Amino acid sequence: MDVARIEEEISLLRAWFGDRIDYRPEGHWVRLRGYQLPDGLWTPSTVEVSFQVPEGIPGQAPYGFHVHPGVALSQGGSVNNYTYPTSNPWGDGWGTFSWALEDWRPGARAGDGSNMLEFARSIAERFRQGA
């Protein structure tokens, strides 16, 4: 485990998300509060998002993210690659999305190449996709 790299990754996330981020060093869990979903596509429209920084970063890519409370499509229908309910260190009643960056190419430093900020920002793309 590269503690210095994980700290760099968390610093990048804090710089982007500011005071909306919480971090638990045990297991390297991140929670983003007040995460806005695309208008009219999901219910509820604001959630918490959490994900884990992999211990093997940068060689190990992040995978999956969680939302609280669980979400549904505003127009109804099933959500692909989504499981509800699940739990994580932030508690029960979370939904879990299967999700990964298509191309994970980290650099020697967190700010070079793929990083956890890029992963966190990619979550918005998953929500824009809808089902």
Protein backbone atom coordinates (compact mmCIF):
# COMPACT_ATOMS: atom_id res chain seq x y z
CA MET A 1 0.00 0.00 0.00
CA ASP A 2 1.38 3.37 -1.07
CA VAL A 3 0.21 5.70 1.72
CA ALA A 4 1.77 8.76 0.08
CA ARG A 5 -0.09 8.05 -3.17
CA ILE A 6 -3.40 7.61 -1.34
CA GLU A 7 -2.83 10.95 0.42
CA GLU A 8 -2.14 12.60 -2.96
CA GLU A 9 -5.37 11.12 -4.33
CA ILE A 10 -7.40 12.38 -1.35
CA SER A 11 -5.83 15.84 -1.73
CA LEU A 12 -6.97 15.99 -5.36
CA LEU A 13 -10.49 15.00 -4.33
CA ARG A 14 -10.56 17.61 -1.54
CA ALA A 15 -9.38 20.33 -3.92
CA TRP A 16 -12.27 19.58 -6.30
CA PHE A 17 -15.10 18.69 -3.90
CA GLY A 18 -14.14 20.96 -0.99
CA ASP A 19 -16.03 20.48 2.26
CA ARG A 20 -18.48 17.99 0.69
CA ILE A 21 -15.95 15.16 1.04
CA ASP A 22 -15.46 12.82 4.00
CA TYR A 23 -12.61 10.32 4.18
CA ARG A 24 -12.18 7.20 6.34
CA PRO A 25 -8.59 5.97 6.38
CA GLU A 26 -9.75 2.50 7.50
CA GLY A 27 -10.36 0.90 4.11
CA HIS A 28 -9.78 4.20 2.27
CA TRP A 29 -13.47 5.09 1.90
CA VAL A 30 -14.60 8.40 0.42
CA ARG A 31 -18.06 9.94 0.74
CA LEU A 32 -19.32 12.90 -1.28
CA ARG A 33 -22.28 14.70 0.30
CA GLY A 34 -24.86 16.70 -1.65
CA TYR A 35 -24.19 15.03 -5.00
CA GLN A 36 -26.64 16.42 -7.61
CA LEU A 37 -28.08 14.00 -10.16
CA PRO A 38 -29.23 15.07 -13.65
CA ASP A 39 -32.57 16.93 -13.55
CA GLY A 40 -35.62 14.83 -14.27
CA LEU A 41 -33.72 11.57 -14.77
CA TRP A 42 -33.34 10.15 -11.25
CA THR A 43 -35.17 10.19 -7.98
CA PRO A 44 -34.10 11.48 -5.55
CA SER A 45 -32.22 14.33 -7.21
CA THR A 46 -29.55 14.67 -4.50
CA VAL A 47 -27.63 11.76 -2.95
CA GLU A 48 -24.48 10.84 -1.15
CA VAL A 49 -21.91 8.98 -3.25
CA SER A 50 -19.20 6.77 -1.81
CA PHE A 51 -16.35 4.74 -3.24
CA GLN A 52 -13.15 3.12 -2.12
CA VAL A 53 -9.61 4.09 -3.05
CA PRO A 54 -8.00 0.72 -3.87
CA GLU A 55 -5.05 -0.23 -1.67
CA GLY A 56 -3.12 -1.19 -4.81
CA ILE A 57 -3.43 2.24 -6.40
CA PRO A 58 -1.97 3.30 -8.83
CA GLY A 59 -1.65 -0.21 -10.32
CA GLN A 60 -5.12 -1.25 -9.21
CA ALA A 61 -7.98 0.69 -10.80
CA PRO A 62 -11.00 1.76 -8.71
CA TYR A 63 -14.24 -0.13 -9.27
CA GLY A 64 -17.85 0.58 -8.40
CA PHE A 65 -19.56 3.29 -6.40
CA HIS A 66 -22.42 3.52 -3.95
CA VAL A 67 -25.35 5.93 -3.52
CA HIS A 68 -27.49 6.78 -0.51
CA PRO A 69 -30.38 6.69 -0.45
CA GLY A 70 -31.04 4.17 -3.19
CA VAL A 71 -32.04 5.65 -6.54
CA ALA A 72 -34.65 4.94 -9.20
CA LEU A 73 -35.32 6.27 -12.67
CA SER A 74 -37.90 9.06 -12.61
CA GLN A 75 -39.78 7.47 -15.53
CA GLY A 76 -39.66 3.99 -13.96
CA GLY A 77 -37.93 0.88 -15.24
CA SER A 78 -34.96 -1.08 -14.03
CA VAL A 79 -31.46 0.29 -13.59
CA ASN A 80 -28.66 -1.72 -15.21
CA ASN A 81 -25.66 -2.86 -13.18
CA TYR A 82 -27.20 -1.64 -9.93
CA THR A 83 -27.91 -3.50 -6.69
CA TYR A 84 -30.06 -2.29 -3.80
CA PRO A 85 -29.84 -2.52 -0.82
CA THR A 86 -26.18 -2.82 0.09
CA SER A 87 -24.00 -1.67 2.97
CA ASN A 88 -20.60 -0.07 3.32
CA PRO A 89 -18.69 1.54 6.21
CA TRP A 90 -20.98 4.60 5.95
CA GLY A 91 -23.98 2.42 6.90
CA ASP A 92 -26.92 0.51 5.44
CA GLY A 93 -29.44 1.42 2.75
CA TRP A 94 -26.97 2.15 -0.04
CA GLY A 95 -27.28 1.17 -3.69
CA THR A 96 -24.22 -0.09 -5.55
CA PHE A 97 -23.36 0.58 -9.19
CA SER A 98 -20.91 -1.53 -11.14
CA TRP A 99 -18.67 1.12 -12.77
CA ALA A 100 -15.11 1.61 -13.94
CA LEU A 101 -13.15 4.03 -16.06
CA GLU A 102 -12.78 2.65 -19.57
CA ASP A 103 -9.07 3.41 -19.66
CA TRP A 104 -7.03 3.43 -16.43
CA ARG A 105 -3.58 4.90 -17.14
CA PRO A 106 -2.11 6.32 -13.95
CA GLY A 107 1.06 8.34 -13.86
CA ALA A 108 3.86 8.29 -11.33
CA ARG A 109 2.05 11.03 -9.37
CA ALA A 110 -1.67 11.32 -8.68
CA GLY A 111 -1.93 14.49 -10.78
CA ASP A 112 -0.44 12.76 -13.84
CA GLY A 113 -2.67 10.39 -15.78
CA SER A 114 -5.69 8.55 -14.39
CA ASN A 115 -6.55 9.20 -10.75
CA MET A 116 -9.36 9.02 -8.21
CA LEU A 117 -10.57 12.51 -9.13
CA GLU A 118 -11.05 11.37 -12.72
CA PHE A 119 -12.93 8.32 -11.42
CA ALA A 120 -15.12 10.46 -9.12
CA ARG A 121 -15.92 12.86 -11.94
CA SER A 122 -16.79 9.95 -14.25
CA ILE A 123 -19.66 9.00 -11.94
CA ALA A 124 -21.61 11.92 -13.41
CA GLU A 125 -21.35 10.21 -16.80
CA ARG A 126 -22.95 7.06 -15.39
CA PHE A 127 -25.86 9.07 -14.07
CA ARG A 128 -26.28 10.86 -17.43
CA GLN A 129 -26.62 7.45 -19.10
CA GLY A 130 -29.85 6.71 -17.23
CA ALA A 131 -30.85 3.04 -17.17
